[in-house]
Amino acid sequence: MLLISLLFAAFGLLLGYAADIFKVAGEPLVEKIESLLPQTQCAQCGFPGCKPYAQAIVKDEADINQCPPGGEETVIALANLLGKEPKPLNSQFGEHKPKSVAVIIEADCIGCAKCIPACPVDAILGANKFMHTVIASECTGCELCISPCPVDCIVMQPVPELPMQVASRFESNFDQSALPCIRCGECANVCPIQLLPQQLFWHSQSENLVQLQAYNLSACIECGKCDVVCPSHIPLVHDFREAKGKIAVKNQHAEQAALAKQRYENQQQRKQRQLEEQAEKARKQKQMLEEMKAKLAAKKNLSL
């Protein structure tokens, strides 16, 4: 018995090792495409969510310009990822709009609860015959809750972007018109935390937020020494603050998209569990009826 147990343990370890070595990867291209989508789960693209749309793009069953919430920015990002030519957003699927959230006019809400299952990210709170409300921070602006509402008490309101920090404490140095950068390197010499303001400036001008983060823009303390020594009178601190604001907006959108994706996946898993439970319940009921019929038939045969 001991030998058999050891053999089974060895086989188990071998299978675990093989599963680790030969494990099948998920869908890396699908995941990359999905990460570029806005995660509104609005279905405007013709698919029930962002992941199905990403899968359809990989299978060449959908084009890269079918996402109105993502707009031109998403089309360009998908084109760059897939090595395709960017193209205009396909107006057949809708027009790009500024980000918005659903708001329920509470005085008009009748508590029918029809909007709740329509929300793909569970951002609506409420119950039958009770007033509903939208969790604004969770709403993706998909507008799927508007159509089911029988009293038209749901409206969309625009979401203000994060404020950009553009004021500079060293505006006295900006009186003269800024000249092109001459690459003198004086700004780097005076930086107290040894950043490279010259590179940060170039990347802020081209709005290359990835490179700005790579060059550690967030570490800039905005002391203004680079402004003072710049012979071209370039408003460096002004540009850095503006770039920080853009990065903050981008990070906020990324966090909201990740949260929306998680809530959508949780909802899909819950619905799948409910379907499986309903199927299991129906199976048991059917089995019970068949057993009852069999018992009745047996009694009938005995009475004969």
Protein backbone atom coordinates (compact mmCIF):
# COMPACT_ATOMS: atom_id res chain seq x y z
CA MET A 1 0.00 0.00 0.00
CA LEU A 2 2.87 2.37 0.86
CA LEU A 3 4.47 1.73 -2.54
CA ILE A 4 1.18 2.46 -4.34
CA SER A 5 0.72 5.70 -2.36
CA LEU A 6 4.25 6.82 -3.24
CA LEU A 7 3.62 6.03 -6.91
CA PHE A 8 0.42 8.10 -6.92
CA ALA A 9 2.23 11.00 -5.19
CA ALA A 10 5.02 10.84 -7.79
CA PHE A 11 2.49 10.82 -10.65
CA GLY A 12 0.72 13.81 -9.07
CA LEU A 13 3.95 15.79 -8.86
CA LEU A 14 4.81 14.86 -12.45
CA LEU A 15 1.40 15.98 -13.72
CA GLY A 16 1.67 19.27 -11.79
CA TYR A 17 5.12 19.93 -13.27
CA ALA A 18 3.88 19.08 -16.79
CA ALA A 19 0.88 21.39 -16.37
CA ASP A 20 3.26 24.18 -15.36
CA ILE A 21 5.65 23.63 -18.26
CA PHE A 22 3.10 22.95 -20.99
CA LYS A 23 0.31 25.20 -19.79
CA VAL A 24 -1.67 26.83 -22.58
CA ALA A 25 -1.53 30.60 -22.54
CA GLY A 26 -4.77 32.53 -22.62
CA GLU A 27 -5.38 34.90 -25.47
CA PRO A 28 -2.55 37.43 -25.22
CA LEU A 29 -3.57 39.42 -28.32
CA VAL A 30 -7.20 39.54 -27.17
CA GLU A 31 -6.04 40.80 -23.77
CA LYS A 32 -3.86 43.49 -25.36
CA ILE A 33 -6.73 44.68 -27.55
CA GLU A 34 -9.16 44.61 -24.63
CA SER A 35 -6.78 46.72 -22.54
CA LEU A 36 -7.02 49.48 -25.17
CA LEU A 37 -10.83 49.52 -25.12
CA PRO A 38 -12.70 51.91 -22.75
CA GLN A 39 -14.53 49.10 -20.88
CA THR A 40 -17.92 50.82 -21.11
CA GLN A 41 -19.49 47.43 -22.01
CA CYS A 42 -22.04 49.43 -24.03
CA ALA A 43 -22.45 46.94 -26.93
CA GLN A 44 -22.48 49.79 -29.48
CA CYS A 45 -19.80 47.90 -31.42
CA GLY A 46 -22.32 45.13 -32.13
CA PHE A 47 -20.91 42.75 -29.50
CA PRO A 48 -22.12 42.20 -25.90
CA GLY A 49 -18.98 43.65 -24.28
CA CYS A 50 -15.42 44.82 -24.77
CA LYS A 51 -13.87 41.35 -24.57
CA PRO A 52 -16.20 39.81 -27.20
CA TYR A 53 -15.37 42.77 -29.46
CA ALA A 54 -11.63 42.17 -28.90
CA GLN A 55 -12.10 38.48 -29.75
CA ALA A 56 -13.99 39.43 -32.92
CA ILE A 57 -11.16 41.76 -34.01
CA VAL A 58 -8.64 38.93 -33.60
CA LYS A 59 -10.88 36.63 -35.68
CA ASP A 60 -11.29 39.35 -38.37
CA GLU A 61 -15.02 39.42 -37.64
CA ALA A 62 -14.98 43.11 -36.66
CA ASP A 63 -13.07 46.23 -37.66
CA ILE A 64 -11.00 48.45 -35.38
CA ASN A 65 -13.29 51.49 -35.82
CA GLN A 66 -16.49 50.21 -34.21
CA CYS A 67 -16.05 51.68 -30.71
CA PRO A 68 -17.77 55.09 -30.35
CA PRO A 69 -16.82 55.60 -26.66
CA GLY A 70 -13.14 55.04 -27.50
CA GLY A 71 -13.28 57.35 -30.50
CA GLU A 72 -10.33 58.20 -32.72
CA GLU A 73 -7.81 57.66 -29.91
CA THR A 74 -8.81 54.00 -29.55
CA VAL A 75 -8.84 53.45 -33.32
CA ILE A 76 -5.26 54.79 -33.56
CA ALA A 77 -4.11 52.68 -30.59
CA LEU A 78 -5.63 49.52 -32.11
CA ALA A 79 -4.11 50.32 -35.51
CA ASN A 80 -0.66 50.74 -33.95
CA LEU A 81 -1.00 47.48 -32.03
CA LEU A 82 -2.17 45.46 -35.03
CA GLY A 83 0.01 47.13 -37.66
CA LYS A 84 -2.98 48.48 -39.57
CA GLU A 85 -3.80 51.86 -41.08
CA PRO A 86 -5.98 54.07 -38.85
CA LYS A 87 -9.41 54.84 -40.25
CA PRO A 88 -12.29 57.16 -39.29
CA LEU A 89 -14.76 55.97 -36.68
CA ASN A 90 -17.62 54.09 -38.36
CA SER A 91 -20.66 56.30 -37.76
CA GLN A 92 -22.92 53.28 -38.27
CA PHE A 93 -22.10 52.29 -34.69
CA GLY A 94 -22.58 55.78 -33.21
CA GLU A 95 -20.69 59.00 -32.66
CA HIS A 96 -17.97 59.70 -30.11
CA LYS A 97 -19.28 61.71 -27.13
CA PRO A 98 -17.65 63.21 -24.05
CA LYS A 99 -17.70 60.87 -21.05
CA SER A 100 -20.97 60.98 -19.15
CA VAL A 101 -22.78 59.16 -16.34
CA ALA A 102 -26.41 58.19 -15.84
CA VAL A 103 -28.46 60.12 -13.29
CA ILE A 104 -31.89 58.99 -12.08
CA ILE A 105 -34.44 61.76 -11.47
CA GLU A 106 -35.51 60.37 -8.13
CA ALA A 107 -38.81 62.26 -7.96
CA ASP A 108 -39.95 60.53 -11.16
CA CYS A 109 -38.64 57.03 -10.38
CA ILE A 110 -41.45 54.47 -9.86
CA GLY A 111 -39.18 51.70 -8.59
CA CYS A 112 -39.88 49.28 -11.43
CA ALA A 113 -36.29 47.94 -11.27
CA LYS A 114 -36.11 47.46 -15.05
CA CYS A 115 -32.91 49.49 -15.28
CA ILE A 116 -31.00 47.29 -12.79
CA PRO A 117 -30.50 44.17 -14.95
CA ALA A 118 -29.71 46.38 -17.95
CA CYS A 119 -26.60 47.81 -16.28
CA PRO A 120 -23.57 45.73 -17.33
CA VAL A 121 -21.47 46.76 -14.32
CA ASP A 122 -24.07 46.69 -11.47
CA ALA A 123 -23.84 50.44 -10.92
CA ILE A 124 -27.55 50.92 -10.06
CA LEU A 125 -28.88 50.43 -6.54
CA GLY A 126 -32.56 49.87 -5.79
CA ALA A 127 -35.36 47.37 -5.35
CA ASN A 128 -38.92 46.86 -6.53
CA LYS A 129 -41.22 49.75 -5.54
CA PHE A 130 -38.29 51.65 -4.02
CA MET A 131 -36.39 54.61 -5.44
CA HIS A 132 -33.23 53.75 -7.40
CA THR A 133 -29.93 55.59 -7.66
CA VAL A 134 -26.78 55.33 -9.77
CA ILE A 135 -23.32 54.92 -8.22
CA ALA A 136 -21.67 57.65 -10.29
CA SER A 137 -18.13 56.41 -9.71
CA GLU A 138 -19.06 52.96 -11.10
CA CYS A 139 -21.15 54.12 -14.08
CA THR A 140 -19.42 53.69 -17.46
CA GLY A 141 -21.87 55.86 -19.39
CA CYS A 142 -23.05 52.97 -21.60
CA GLU A 143 -26.66 54.36 -21.72
CA LEU A 144 -28.11 50.82 -21.65
CA CYS A 145 -30.33 51.73 -18.68
CA ILE A 146 -32.18 54.51 -20.55
CA SER A 147 -34.22 52.39 -22.93
CA PRO A 148 -35.82 50.03 -20.35
CA CYS A 149 -37.05 52.93 -18.17
CA PRO A 150 -40.83 53.29 -18.75
CA VAL A 151 -41.02 56.83 -17.34
CA ASP A 152 -37.87 58.34 -18.91
CA CYS A 153 -36.43 59.33 -15.55
CA ILE A 154 -32.80 58.53 -16.47
CA VAL A 155 -30.65 61.23 -18.05
CA MET A 156 -26.97 61.40 -18.98
CA GLN A 157 -24.78 64.11 -17.48
CA PRO A 158 -21.24 64.98 -18.65
CA VAL A 159 -18.33 64.15 -16.35
CA PRO A 160 -15.82 66.96 -15.81
CA GLU A 161 -12.21 65.96 -16.38
CA LEU A 162 -9.61 66.31 -13.65
CA PRO A 163 -8.42 69.92 -13.50
CA MET A 164 -5.07 70.58 -15.15
CA GLN A 165 -2.46 72.40 -13.08
CA VAL A 166 -1.20 75.07 -15.41
CA ALA A 167 -0.29 78.02 -13.22
CA SER A 168 3.40 78.66 -12.63
CA ARG A 169 5.09 80.32 -9.69
CA PHE A 170 7.74 81.64 -12.02
CA GLU A 171 5.65 83.53 -14.59
CA SER A 172 8.02 86.52 -14.30
CA ASN A 173 10.47 84.46 -16.33
CA PHE A 174 7.87 84.08 -19.15
CA ASP A 175 7.62 87.76 -20.05
CA GLN A 176 9.79 87.27 -23.08
CA SER A 177 8.61 85.00 -25.89
CA ALA A 178 10.01 81.49 -25.55
CA LEU A 179 12.67 80.52 -28.07
CA PRO A 180 13.48 77.01 -29.31
CA CYS A 181 15.49 74.78 -26.97
CA ILE A 182 19.22 75.06 -27.72
CA ARG A 183 20.13 71.92 -25.77
CA CYS A 184 22.52 73.77 -23.51
CA GLY A 185 21.89 71.39 -20.60
CA GLU A 186 21.74 74.17 -17.98
CA CYS A 187 18.35 72.92 -16.75
CA ALA A 188 19.79 69.47 -15.97
CA ASN A 189 22.77 71.04 -14.14
CA VAL A 190 20.55 72.89 -11.66
CA CYS A 191 17.90 70.20 -11.10
CA PRO A 192 18.13 69.29 -7.36
CA ILE A 193 16.87 65.74 -7.94
CA GLN A 194 18.93 65.09 -11.08
CA LEU A 195 16.09 64.83 -13.58
CA LEU A 196 16.55 65.63 -17.28
CA PRO A 197 14.23 68.61 -17.88
CA GLN A 198 15.30 68.86 -21.52
CA GLN A 199 13.97 65.36 -22.31
CA LEU A 200 10.89 65.97 -20.19
CA PHE A 201 10.20 69.12 -22.20
CA TRP A 202 10.50 67.34 -25.54
CA HIS A 203 8.18 64.54 -24.47
CA SER A 204 5.69 66.99 -22.97
CA GLN A 205 5.57 68.83 -26.29
CA SER A 206 4.80 65.60 -28.16
CA GLU A 207 2.44 64.47 -25.37
CA ASN A 208 4.35 61.20 -25.04
CA LEU A 209 2.98 60.32 -21.62
CA VAL A 210 4.70 56.93 -21.54
CA GLN A 211 8.16 58.50 -21.95
CA LEU A 212 7.32 61.23 -19.43
CA GLN A 213 6.64 58.54 -16.86
CA ALA A 214 9.79 56.67 -17.90
CA TYR A 215 11.81 59.86 -17.27
CA ASN A 216 10.17 60.12 -13.81
CA LEU A 217 8.19 63.33 -14.32
CA SER A 218 6.22 62.65 -11.13
CA ALA A 219 9.44 63.19 -9.12
CA CYS A 220 9.67 66.83 -10.26
CA ILE A 221 9.20 69.11 -7.24
CA GLU A 222 8.51 72.17 -9.43
CA CYS A 223 11.22 74.20 -7.74
CA GLY A 224 11.51 76.41 -10.83
CA LYS A 225 15.32 76.43 -11.04
CA CYS A 226 15.18 75.13 -14.61
CA ASP A 227 12.90 78.05 -15.55
CA VAL A 228 15.33 80.57 -14.10
CA VAL A 229 18.44 79.34 -15.96
CA CYS A 230 16.80 78.59 -19.32
CA PRO A 231 18.30 81.05 -21.86
CA SER A 232 15.37 80.39 -24.23
CA HIS A 233 12.83 81.41 -21.54
CA ILE A 234 10.88 78.17 -22.00
CA PRO A 235 8.15 77.77 -19.34
CA LEU A 236 9.35 74.34 -18.25
CA VAL A 237 7.49 74.10 -14.94
CA HIS A 238 4.30 75.20 -16.70
CA ASP A 239 4.70 72.40 -19.26
CA PHE A 240 5.56 69.83 -16.60
CA ARG A 241 2.48 70.69 -14.55
CA GLU A 242 0.27 70.43 -17.60
CA ALA A 243 1.79 67.05 -18.46
CA LYS A 244 1.23 65.82 -14.89
CA GLY A 245 -2.43 66.75 -15.22
CA LYS A 246 -2.73 64.76 -18.46
CA ILE A 247 -1.07 61.75 -16.86
CA ALA A 248 -3.45 62.02 -13.89
CA VAL A 249 -6.44 62.02 -16.25
CA LYS A 250 -5.05 59.03 -18.15
CA ASN A 251 -4.42 57.11 -14.92
CA GLN A 252 -7.91 57.93 -13.66
CA HIS A 253 -9.45 56.58 -16.87
CA ALA A 254 -7.30 53.45 -16.66
CA GLU A 255 -8.39 52.80 -13.05
CA GLN A 256 -12.06 53.34 -13.93
CA ALA A 257 -11.76 51.03 -16.94
CA ALA A 258 -10.12 48.29 -14.84
CA LEU A 259 -12.86 48.56 -12.21
CA ALA A 260 -15.61 48.50 -14.85
CA LYS A 261 -14.07 45.43 -16.47
CA GLN A 262 -13.93 43.63 -13.10
CA ARG A 263 -17.56 44.49 -12.29
CA TYR A 264 -18.69 43.36 -15.75
CA GLU A 265 -16.83 40.03 -15.41
CA ASN A 266 -18.28 39.52 -11.92
CA GLN A 267 -21.78 40.10 -13.29
CA GLN A 268 -21.23 37.66 -16.17
CA GLN A 269 -19.98 35.00 -13.74
CA ARG A 270 -23.01 35.56 -11.50
CA LYS A 271 -25.39 35.21 -14.45
CA GLN A 272 -23.62 32.02 -15.54
CA ARG A 273 -23.97 30.57 -12.04
CA GLN A 274 -27.67 31.46 -12.01
CA LEU A 275 -28.18 29.71 -15.36
CA GLU A 276 -26.36 26.62 -14.10
CA GLU A 277 -28.41 26.61 -10.88
CA GLN A 278 -31.65 26.96 -12.85
CA ALA A 279 -30.61 24.14 -15.18
CA GLU A 280 -29.74 21.93 -12.18
CA LYS A 281 -33.08 22.74 -10.51
CA ALA A 282 -34.96 21.90 -13.72
CA ARG A 283 -33.01 18.63 -14.02
CA LYS A 284 -33.89 17.62 -10.46
CA GLN A 285 -37.57 18.50 -10.97
CA LYS A 286 -37.65 16.43 -14.15
CA GLN A 287 -35.98 13.53 -12.36
CA MET A 288 -38.49 13.79 -9.51
CA LEU A 289 -41.43 13.75 -11.91
CA GLU A 290 -40.04 10.72 -13.72
CA GLU A 291 -39.59 8.89 -10.40
CA MET A 292 -43.18 9.74 -9.38
CA LYS A 293 -44.48 8.52 -12.74
CA ALA A 294 -42.51 5.31 -12.34
CA LYS A 295 -43.95 4.75 -8.84
CA LEU A 296 -47.50 5.42 -10.04
CA ALA A 297 -47.01 3.03 -12.95
CA ALA A 298 -45.67 0.37 -10.57
CA LYS A 299 -48.70 0.75 -8.25
CA LYS A 300 -51.04 0.54 -11.20
CA ASN A 301 -49.41 -2.70 -12.37
CA LEU A 302 -49.67 -4.18 -8.85
CA SER A 303 -53.38 -3.34 -8.62
CA LEU A 304 -53.97 -5.18 -11.89
